[in-house]
């Protein structure tokens, strides 16, 4: 959350000359509701089912840069679908998250005690992010352009 996946994703797509797609945007477009509304109205399990389908569809249809929601890796089937893909995990620490988002924006999973919730989410998710990642790029204190360059360089080194 707030790591810059949309900004860096757009920059990567532009640099590579491919399209950009975000599964959260797909869910919002498909349901006509915000992610927060889906969480409130139907709960997290219902959202995760929509997210799983959105990732599956996007991976089948889209050949460019694809941004996934932060919780997409919670699903084992989704992690299996990501195997063999070039996956960039953009990382940041809680202090950077506070600077970027204030941890007070409309994030359904951070409604109560945002710093504690962010840390708990990251402790649970970080191993899953690292499991699917081809490369890990730290974003702390860096511009989107610097992060994009690091991601491109790291992916190029992995392919060499």
N, C-alpha and C. Protein backbone atom coordinates (compact mmCIF):
# COMPACT_ATOMS: atom_id res chain seq x y z
N UNK A 1 0.84 -1.18 0.00
CA UNK A 1 0.00 0.00 0.00
C UNK A 1 0.88 1.24 0.00
N UNK A 2 0.72 2.06 -1.02
CA UNK A 2 1.49 3.28 -1.10
C UNK A 2 2.92 3.10 -1.56
N UNK A 3 3.27 1.90 -2.00
CA UNK A 3 4.64 1.62 -2.40
C UNK A 3 4.99 2.22 -3.76
N UNK A 4 3.98 2.56 -4.52
CA UNK A 4 4.22 3.17 -5.83
C UNK A 4 4.00 2.24 -7.00
N UNK A 5 3.25 1.17 -6.78
CA UNK A 5 3.09 0.18 -7.86
C UNK A 5 2.44 0.77 -9.10
N UNK A 6 1.47 1.65 -8.94
CA UNK A 6 0.83 2.24 -10.11
C UNK A 6 1.78 3.17 -10.86
N UNK A 7 2.45 4.03 -10.13
CA UNK A 7 3.38 4.96 -10.76
C UNK A 7 4.53 4.23 -11.42
N UNK A 8 5.16 3.32 -10.69
CA UNK A 8 6.29 2.57 -11.25
C UNK A 8 5.81 1.64 -12.36
N UNK A 9 4.65 1.05 -12.19
CA UNK A 9 4.10 0.19 -13.23
C UNK A 9 3.91 0.92 -14.55
N UNK A 10 3.36 2.13 -14.47
CA UNK A 10 3.19 2.94 -15.68
C UNK A 10 4.54 3.28 -16.30
N UNK A 11 5.51 3.65 -15.46
CA UNK A 11 6.85 3.98 -15.97
C UNK A 11 7.52 2.77 -16.62
N UNK A 12 7.39 1.61 -15.99
CA UNK A 12 7.96 0.39 -16.57
C UNK A 12 7.32 0.08 -17.93
N UNK A 13 6.01 0.17 -17.97
CA UNK A 13 5.30 -0.11 -19.22
C UNK A 13 5.73 0.86 -20.32
N UNK A 14 5.85 2.12 -19.97
CA UNK A 14 6.28 3.12 -20.94
C UNK A 14 7.69 2.82 -21.45
N UNK A 15 8.58 2.52 -20.53
CA UNK A 15 9.96 2.22 -20.91
C UNK A 15 10.06 0.98 -21.80
N UNK A 16 9.24 -0.02 -21.49
CA UNK A 16 9.28 -1.28 -22.24
C UNK A 16 8.42 -1.25 -23.50
N UNK A 17 7.64 -0.20 -23.66
CA UNK A 17 6.77 -0.08 -24.84
C UNK A 17 5.62 -1.07 -24.83
N UNK A 18 5.08 -1.33 -23.65
CA UNK A 18 3.96 -2.27 -23.51
C UNK A 18 2.83 -1.59 -22.73
N UNK A 19 1.69 -2.24 -22.66
CA UNK A 19 0.57 -1.71 -21.92
C UNK A 19 0.71 -1.92 -20.43
N UNK A 20 -0.10 -1.19 -19.67
CA UNK A 20 -0.15 -1.30 -18.22
C UNK A 20 -1.57 -1.67 -17.81
N UNK A 21 -1.69 -2.54 -16.83
CA UNK A 21 -3.00 -2.95 -16.33
C UNK A 21 -2.89 -3.18 -14.83
N UNK A 22 -3.95 -2.85 -14.10
CA UNK A 22 -3.99 -3.02 -12.65
C UNK A 22 -5.23 -3.83 -12.30
N UNK A 23 -5.04 -4.93 -11.58
CA UNK A 23 -6.18 -5.78 -11.27
C UNK A 23 -7.18 -5.10 -10.33
N UNK A 24 -6.73 -4.19 -9.48
CA UNK A 24 -7.68 -3.43 -8.65
C UNK A 24 -8.59 -2.60 -9.53
N UNK A 25 -8.02 -1.97 -10.56
CA UNK A 25 -8.84 -1.19 -11.50
C UNK A 25 -9.84 -2.09 -12.22
N UNK A 26 -9.41 -3.30 -12.57
CA UNK A 26 -10.30 -4.25 -13.23
C UNK A 26 -11.49 -4.60 -12.33
N UNK A 27 -11.22 -4.79 -11.05
CA UNK A 27 -12.29 -5.14 -10.10
C UNK A 27 -13.27 -3.98 -9.96
N UNK A 28 -12.75 -2.77 -9.82
CA UNK A 28 -13.61 -1.59 -9.70
C UNK A 28 -14.46 -1.43 -10.96
N UNK A 29 -13.84 -1.57 -12.12
CA UNK A 29 -14.58 -1.43 -13.38
C UNK A 29 -15.64 -2.52 -13.52
N UNK A 30 -15.30 -3.74 -13.12
CA UNK A 30 -16.22 -4.86 -13.26
C UNK A 30 -17.40 -4.85 -12.31
N UNK A 31 -17.19 -4.27 -11.13
CA UNK A 31 -18.26 -4.26 -10.12
C UNK A 31 -18.96 -2.92 -10.01
N UNK A 32 -18.30 -1.87 -10.48
CA UNK A 32 -18.87 -0.53 -10.32
C UNK A 32 -18.79 -0.01 -8.90
N UNK A 33 -17.94 -0.64 -8.09
CA UNK A 33 -17.79 -0.23 -6.69
C UNK A 33 -16.31 -0.13 -6.35
N UNK A 34 -15.99 0.68 -5.35
CA UNK A 34 -14.60 0.80 -4.90
C UNK A 34 -14.21 -0.46 -4.12
N UNK A 35 -12.92 -0.65 -3.98
CA UNK A 35 -12.42 -1.78 -3.18
C UNK A 35 -12.96 -1.67 -1.76
N UNK A 36 -12.91 -0.47 -1.18
CA UNK A 36 -13.40 -0.28 0.19
C UNK A 36 -14.87 -0.65 0.30
N UNK A 37 -15.69 -0.29 -0.68
CA UNK A 37 -17.11 -0.64 -0.65
C UNK A 37 -17.31 -2.15 -0.68
N UNK A 38 -16.53 -2.84 -1.49
CA UNK A 38 -16.65 -4.30 -1.56
C UNK A 38 -16.29 -4.92 -0.21
N UNK A 39 -15.21 -4.43 0.41
CA UNK A 39 -14.82 -4.93 1.74
C UNK A 39 -15.93 -4.72 2.75
N UNK A 40 -16.51 -3.53 2.77
CA UNK A 40 -17.56 -3.21 3.75
C UNK A 40 -18.84 -3.98 3.47
N UNK A 41 -19.25 -4.02 2.21
CA UNK A 41 -20.54 -4.63 1.86
C UNK A 41 -20.50 -6.16 1.86
N UNK A 42 -19.39 -6.73 1.40
CA UNK A 42 -19.35 -8.19 1.22
C UNK A 42 -18.28 -8.91 2.02
N UNK A 43 -17.32 -8.17 2.54
CA UNK A 43 -16.26 -8.76 3.35
C UNK A 43 -15.03 -9.12 2.53
N UNK A 44 -13.95 -9.37 3.25
CA UNK A 44 -12.69 -9.67 2.59
C UNK A 44 -12.72 -10.95 1.77
N UNK A 45 -13.34 -12.05 2.23
CA UNK A 45 -13.35 -13.26 1.40
C UNK A 45 -13.98 -13.04 0.02
N UNK A 46 -15.05 -12.27 -0.03
CA UNK A 46 -15.69 -11.98 -1.32
C UNK A 46 -14.77 -11.16 -2.21
N UNK A 47 -14.09 -10.18 -1.61
CA UNK A 47 -13.14 -9.39 -2.40
C UNK A 47 -12.01 -10.27 -2.91
N UNK A 48 -11.48 -11.14 -2.07
CA UNK A 48 -10.35 -12.00 -2.48
C UNK A 48 -10.76 -12.92 -3.64
N UNK A 49 -12.01 -13.37 -3.65
CA UNK A 49 -12.48 -14.20 -4.76
C UNK A 49 -12.51 -13.39 -6.05
N UNK A 50 -12.98 -12.15 -5.98
CA UNK A 50 -12.97 -11.26 -7.15
C UNK A 50 -11.54 -10.99 -7.61
N UNK A 51 -10.66 -10.78 -6.64
CA UNK A 51 -9.25 -10.50 -6.94
C UNK A 51 -8.59 -11.69 -7.63
N UNK A 52 -8.85 -12.88 -7.13
CA UNK A 52 -8.27 -14.09 -7.72
C UNK A 52 -8.70 -14.22 -9.18
N UNK A 53 -9.98 -14.00 -9.46
CA UNK A 53 -10.47 -14.08 -10.83
C UNK A 53 -9.87 -12.99 -11.70
N UNK A 54 -9.74 -11.79 -11.14
CA UNK A 54 -9.16 -10.67 -11.90
C UNK A 54 -7.71 -10.96 -12.28
N UNK A 55 -6.95 -11.53 -11.38
CA UNK A 55 -5.55 -11.86 -11.67
C UNK A 55 -5.48 -12.94 -12.74
N UNK A 56 -6.30 -13.97 -12.61
CA UNK A 56 -6.33 -15.06 -13.58
C UNK A 56 -6.66 -14.53 -14.97
N UNK A 57 -7.68 -13.70 -15.06
CA UNK A 57 -8.09 -13.13 -16.34
C UNK A 57 -7.00 -12.24 -16.92
N UNK A 58 -6.44 -11.38 -16.10
CA UNK A 58 -5.41 -10.45 -16.57
C UNK A 58 -4.17 -11.18 -17.05
N UNK A 59 -3.75 -12.21 -16.33
CA UNK A 59 -2.57 -12.97 -16.76
C UNK A 59 -2.81 -13.67 -18.09
N UNK A 60 -4.06 -14.08 -18.32
CA UNK A 60 -4.39 -14.75 -19.58
C UNK A 60 -4.52 -13.78 -20.75
N UNK A 61 -4.94 -12.56 -20.47
CA UNK A 61 -5.24 -11.60 -21.54
C UNK A 61 -4.17 -10.55 -21.80
N UNK A 62 -3.36 -10.24 -20.81
CA UNK A 62 -2.47 -9.07 -20.88
C UNK A 62 -1.01 -9.49 -20.93
N UNK A 63 -0.27 -8.92 -21.85
CA UNK A 63 1.14 -9.28 -21.98
C UNK A 63 2.09 -8.18 -21.51
N UNK A 64 1.56 -7.06 -21.03
CA UNK A 64 2.41 -5.97 -20.59
C UNK A 64 2.66 -6.02 -19.10
N UNK A 65 2.82 -4.85 -18.50
CA UNK A 65 3.06 -4.73 -17.06
C UNK A 65 1.71 -4.85 -16.35
N UNK A 66 1.67 -5.71 -15.35
CA UNK A 66 0.45 -5.97 -14.60
C UNK A 66 0.72 -5.69 -13.13
N UNK A 67 -0.07 -4.80 -12.53
CA UNK A 67 0.04 -4.50 -11.11
C UNK A 67 -1.05 -5.27 -10.37
N UNK A 68 -0.64 -5.93 -9.30
CA UNK A 68 -1.58 -6.70 -8.48
C UNK A 68 -1.81 -5.99 -7.16
N UNK A 69 -2.99 -6.16 -6.60
CA UNK A 69 -3.26 -5.66 -5.26
C UNK A 69 -2.37 -6.36 -4.25
N UNK A 70 -2.11 -5.69 -3.16
CA UNK A 70 -1.18 -6.19 -2.15
C UNK A 70 -1.53 -7.54 -1.55
N UNK A 71 -2.81 -7.89 -1.54
CA UNK A 71 -3.22 -9.16 -0.96
C UNK A 71 -3.36 -10.30 -1.95
N UNK A 72 -3.11 -10.04 -3.21
CA UNK A 72 -3.29 -11.08 -4.23
C UNK A 72 -2.45 -12.31 -3.96
N UNK A 73 -1.27 -12.12 -3.37
CA UNK A 73 -0.36 -13.25 -3.13
C UNK A 73 -0.83 -14.16 -1.99
N UNK A 74 -1.87 -13.76 -1.28
CA UNK A 74 -2.38 -14.60 -0.20
C UNK A 74 -2.97 -15.90 -0.73
N UNK A 75 -3.39 -15.90 -1.98
CA UNK A 75 -4.01 -17.07 -2.58
C UNK A 75 -2.94 -17.97 -3.21
N UNK A 76 -2.91 -19.23 -2.81
CA UNK A 76 -1.91 -20.17 -3.32
C UNK A 76 -2.03 -20.37 -4.83
N UNK A 77 -3.25 -20.40 -5.35
CA UNK A 77 -3.42 -20.55 -6.80
C UNK A 77 -2.85 -19.35 -7.55
N UNK A 78 -3.03 -18.17 -7.00
CA UNK A 78 -2.47 -16.97 -7.62
C UNK A 78 -0.95 -17.03 -7.60
N UNK A 79 -0.38 -17.45 -6.49
CA UNK A 79 1.08 -17.58 -6.43
C UNK A 79 1.57 -18.58 -7.46
N UNK A 80 0.83 -19.66 -7.65
CA UNK A 80 1.22 -20.65 -8.66
C UNK A 80 1.14 -20.05 -10.07
N UNK A 81 0.13 -19.23 -10.32
CA UNK A 81 0.02 -18.57 -11.63
C UNK A 81 1.19 -17.62 -11.89
N UNK A 82 1.73 -17.06 -10.84
CA UNK A 82 2.84 -16.10 -10.99
C UNK A 82 4.19 -16.80 -11.21
N UNK A 83 4.24 -18.10 -10.93
CA UNK A 83 5.48 -18.84 -11.15
C UNK A 83 5.85 -18.76 -12.64
N UNK A 84 7.08 -18.44 -12.89
CA UNK A 84 7.55 -18.34 -14.27
C UNK A 84 7.35 -16.97 -14.89
N UNK A 85 6.64 -16.09 -14.18
CA UNK A 85 6.46 -14.71 -14.65
C UNK A 85 7.60 -13.85 -14.10
N UNK A 86 7.86 -12.73 -14.76
CA UNK A 86 8.78 -11.73 -14.21
C UNK A 86 8.00 -10.92 -13.18
N UNK A 87 8.33 -11.08 -11.91
CA UNK A 87 7.60 -10.42 -10.84
C UNK A 87 8.55 -9.51 -10.06
N UNK A 88 8.17 -8.24 -9.96
CA UNK A 88 8.94 -7.26 -9.21
C UNK A 88 8.19 -6.96 -7.92
N UNK A 89 8.85 -7.18 -6.79
CA UNK A 89 8.29 -6.86 -5.49
C UNK A 89 8.90 -5.52 -5.07
N UNK A 90 8.06 -4.50 -4.97
CA UNK A 90 8.49 -3.18 -4.50
C UNK A 90 8.33 -3.16 -2.99
N UNK A 91 9.42 -2.99 -2.27
CA UNK A 91 9.37 -3.05 -0.81
C UNK A 91 9.56 -1.66 -0.20
N UNK A 92 9.07 -1.50 1.02
CA UNK A 92 9.31 -0.30 1.82
C UNK A 92 9.06 -0.64 3.27
N UNK A 93 9.64 0.19 4.15
CA UNK A 93 9.42 -0.04 5.58
C UNK A 93 8.28 0.84 6.08
N UNK A 94 7.89 0.65 7.31
CA UNK A 94 6.72 1.34 7.85
C UNK A 94 6.92 2.85 7.90
N UNK A 95 8.16 3.31 8.17
CA UNK A 95 8.41 4.74 8.21
C UNK A 95 8.15 5.38 6.86
N UNK A 96 8.55 4.69 5.79
CA UNK A 96 8.29 5.19 4.45
C UNK A 96 6.80 5.17 4.14
N UNK A 97 6.10 4.13 4.60
CA UNK A 97 4.66 4.05 4.39
C UNK A 97 3.94 5.22 5.07
N UNK A 98 4.39 5.58 6.26
CA UNK A 98 3.81 6.72 6.97
C UNK A 98 4.03 8.00 6.18
N UNK A 99 5.25 8.19 5.66
CA UNK A 99 5.55 9.40 4.88
C UNK A 99 4.68 9.47 3.63
N UNK A 100 4.51 8.33 2.97
CA UNK A 100 3.79 8.33 1.68
C UNK A 100 2.28 8.41 1.82
N UNK A 101 1.74 7.71 2.79
CA UNK A 101 0.28 7.64 2.89
C UNK A 101 -0.26 8.26 4.16
N UNK A 102 0.61 8.47 5.13
CA UNK A 102 0.13 8.94 6.42
C UNK A 102 -0.59 7.83 7.18
N UNK A 103 -0.76 6.70 6.51
CA UNK A 103 -1.50 5.56 7.06
C UNK A 103 -2.85 5.99 7.62
N UNK A 104 -3.44 6.99 6.97
CA UNK A 104 -4.75 7.43 7.43
C UNK A 104 -5.72 7.56 6.26
N UNK A 105 -5.35 7.01 5.12
CA UNK A 105 -6.23 7.07 3.96
C UNK A 105 -7.21 5.91 3.99
N UNK A 106 -8.11 5.88 3.03
CA UNK A 106 -9.16 4.86 3.01
C UNK A 106 -8.60 3.50 2.61
N UNK A 107 -8.00 2.83 3.54
CA UNK A 107 -7.47 1.49 3.33
C UNK A 107 -8.24 0.55 4.25
N UNK A 108 -9.07 -0.33 3.71
CA UNK A 108 -9.94 -1.15 4.56
C UNK A 108 -9.20 -1.98 5.61
N UNK A 109 -8.01 -2.46 5.27
CA UNK A 109 -7.31 -3.31 6.22
C UNK A 109 -6.51 -2.53 7.26
N UNK A 110 -6.53 -1.21 7.17
CA UNK A 110 -5.77 -0.38 8.11
C UNK A 110 -6.67 0.53 8.92
N UNK A 111 -7.93 0.17 9.08
CA UNK A 111 -8.90 1.06 9.72
C UNK A 111 -8.59 1.33 11.19
N UNK A 112 -8.06 0.36 11.91
CA UNK A 112 -7.77 0.52 13.33
C UNK A 112 -6.28 0.33 13.55
N UNK A 113 -5.65 1.28 14.25
CA UNK A 113 -4.21 1.25 14.56
C UNK A 113 -3.39 0.95 13.30
N UNK A 114 -3.35 1.90 12.37
CA UNK A 114 -2.74 1.65 11.07
C UNK A 114 -1.29 1.18 11.10
N UNK A 115 -0.46 1.75 11.96
CA UNK A 115 0.95 1.31 11.99
C UNK A 115 1.07 -0.16 12.39
N UNK A 116 0.34 -0.54 13.43
CA UNK A 116 0.37 -1.92 13.89
C UNK A 116 -0.18 -2.85 12.81
N UNK A 117 -1.29 -2.46 12.20
CA UNK A 117 -1.90 -3.27 11.15
C UNK A 117 -0.97 -3.41 9.94
N UNK A 118 -0.31 -2.32 9.56
CA UNK A 118 0.62 -2.36 8.42
C UNK A 118 1.75 -3.34 8.70
N UNK A 119 2.32 -3.25 9.91
CA UNK A 119 3.41 -4.17 10.28
C UNK A 119 2.93 -5.62 10.25
N UNK A 120 1.74 -5.87 10.79
CA UNK A 120 1.20 -7.23 10.82
C UNK A 120 0.97 -7.75 9.40
N UNK A 121 0.41 -6.90 8.54
CA UNK A 121 0.19 -7.30 7.15
C UNK A 121 1.52 -7.64 6.48
N UNK A 122 2.51 -6.80 6.68
CA UNK A 122 3.80 -7.03 6.03
C UNK A 122 4.50 -8.28 6.57
N UNK A 123 4.39 -8.52 7.86
CA UNK A 123 4.99 -9.73 8.42
C UNK A 123 4.37 -10.98 7.81
N UNK A 124 3.07 -10.93 7.57
CA UNK A 124 2.38 -12.08 6.97
C UNK A 124 2.64 -12.19 5.48
N UNK A 125 2.73 -11.06 4.80
CA UNK A 125 2.82 -11.06 3.34
C UNK A 125 4.24 -11.10 2.78
N UNK A 126 5.19 -10.52 3.49
CA UNK A 126 6.56 -10.41 2.95
C UNK A 126 7.10 -11.76 2.46
N UNK A 127 6.98 -12.84 3.22
CA UNK A 127 7.49 -14.12 2.70
C UNK A 127 6.80 -14.55 1.41
N UNK A 128 5.52 -14.23 1.27
CA UNK A 128 4.79 -14.58 0.04
C UNK A 128 5.25 -13.72 -1.12
N UNK A 129 5.46 -12.43 -0.86
CA UNK A 129 5.99 -11.54 -1.90
C UNK A 129 7.34 -12.06 -2.37
N UNK A 130 8.19 -12.40 -1.42
CA UNK A 130 9.54 -12.87 -1.77
C UNK A 130 9.49 -14.21 -2.49
N UNK A 131 8.51 -15.05 -2.15
CA UNK A 131 8.34 -16.34 -2.82
C UNK A 131 8.07 -16.18 -4.31
N UNK A 132 7.24 -15.20 -4.68
CA UNK A 132 6.88 -15.04 -6.09
C UNK A 132 7.79 -14.08 -6.85
N UNK A 133 8.58 -13.31 -6.13
CA UNK A 133 9.37 -12.26 -6.76
C UNK A 133 10.56 -12.80 -7.55
N UNK A 134 10.72 -12.25 -8.74
CA UNK A 134 11.94 -12.46 -9.51
C UNK A 134 13.02 -11.56 -8.96
N UNK A 135 12.64 -10.32 -8.65
CA UNK A 135 13.55 -9.34 -8.06
C UNK A 135 12.80 -8.54 -6.99
N UNK A 136 13.57 -8.03 -6.03
CA UNK A 136 13.04 -7.16 -4.98
C UNK A 136 13.71 -5.80 -5.13
N UNK A 137 12.91 -4.75 -5.16
CA UNK A 137 13.45 -3.40 -5.30
C UNK A 137 12.94 -2.55 -4.14
N UNK A 138 13.88 -2.04 -3.33
CA UNK A 138 13.51 -1.16 -2.23
C UNK A 138 13.13 0.21 -2.78
N UNK A 139 12.06 0.78 -2.25
CA UNK A 139 11.58 2.08 -2.73
C UNK A 139 11.84 3.20 -1.73
N UNK A 140 12.29 2.87 -0.55
CA UNK A 140 12.47 3.86 0.51
C UNK A 140 13.38 5.01 0.06
N UNK A 141 12.85 6.23 0.17
CA UNK A 141 13.64 7.42 -0.13
C UNK A 141 14.04 7.57 -1.59
N UNK A 142 13.39 6.88 -2.48
CA UNK A 142 13.75 6.91 -3.90
C UNK A 142 12.61 7.46 -4.73
N UNK A 143 12.95 8.09 -5.84
CA UNK A 143 11.93 8.59 -6.76
C UNK A 143 11.39 7.43 -7.58
N UNK A 144 10.19 7.59 -8.14
CA UNK A 144 9.66 6.54 -9.01
C UNK A 144 10.60 6.21 -10.18
N UNK A 145 11.27 7.21 -10.70
CA UNK A 145 12.21 6.99 -11.81
C UNK A 145 13.40 6.14 -11.35
N UNK A 146 13.91 6.40 -10.14
CA UNK A 146 15.02 5.60 -9.60
C UNK A 146 14.58 4.15 -9.37
N UNK A 147 13.37 3.97 -8.84
CA UNK A 147 12.84 2.63 -8.60
C UNK A 147 12.67 1.89 -9.93
N UNK A 148 12.13 2.59 -10.92
CA UNK A 148 11.94 1.99 -12.24
C UNK A 148 13.27 1.55 -12.83
N UNK A 149 14.27 2.39 -12.78
CA UNK A 149 15.60 2.05 -13.31
C UNK A 149 16.16 0.84 -12.57
N UNK A 150 16.03 0.80 -11.26
CA UNK A 150 16.52 -0.34 -10.47
C UNK A 150 15.79 -1.64 -10.86
N UNK A 151 14.49 -1.54 -11.07
CA UNK A 151 13.71 -2.72 -11.46
C UNK A 151 14.18 -3.22 -12.82
N UNK A 152 14.33 -2.31 -13.76
CA UNK A 152 14.79 -2.70 -15.10
C UNK A 152 16.17 -3.32 -15.06
N UNK A 153 17.07 -2.69 -14.31
CA UNK A 153 18.44 -3.22 -14.18
C UNK A 153 18.44 -4.61 -13.54
N UNK A 154 17.66 -4.78 -12.48
CA UNK A 154 17.61 -6.07 -11.79
C UNK A 154 17.03 -7.15 -12.66
N UNK A 155 15.98 -6.84 -13.41
CA UNK A 155 15.39 -7.83 -14.31
C UNK A 155 16.36 -8.20 -15.43
N UNK A 156 17.07 -7.22 -15.94
CA UNK A 156 18.06 -7.48 -16.99
C UNK A 156 19.17 -8.39 -16.49
N UNK A 157 19.62 -8.16 -15.25
CA UNK A 157 20.68 -9.00 -14.68
C UNK A 157 20.17 -10.43 -14.49
N UNK A 158 18.90 -10.60 -14.10
CA UNK A 158 18.34 -11.94 -13.92
C UNK A 158 18.26 -12.70 -15.24
N UNK A 159 18.04 -11.96 -16.34
CA UNK A 159 17.90 -12.60 -17.64
C UNK A 159 19.25 -12.92 -18.26
N UNK A 160 20.28 -12.25 -17.79
CA UNK A 160 21.62 -12.44 -18.38
C UNK A 160 22.24 -13.76 -17.98
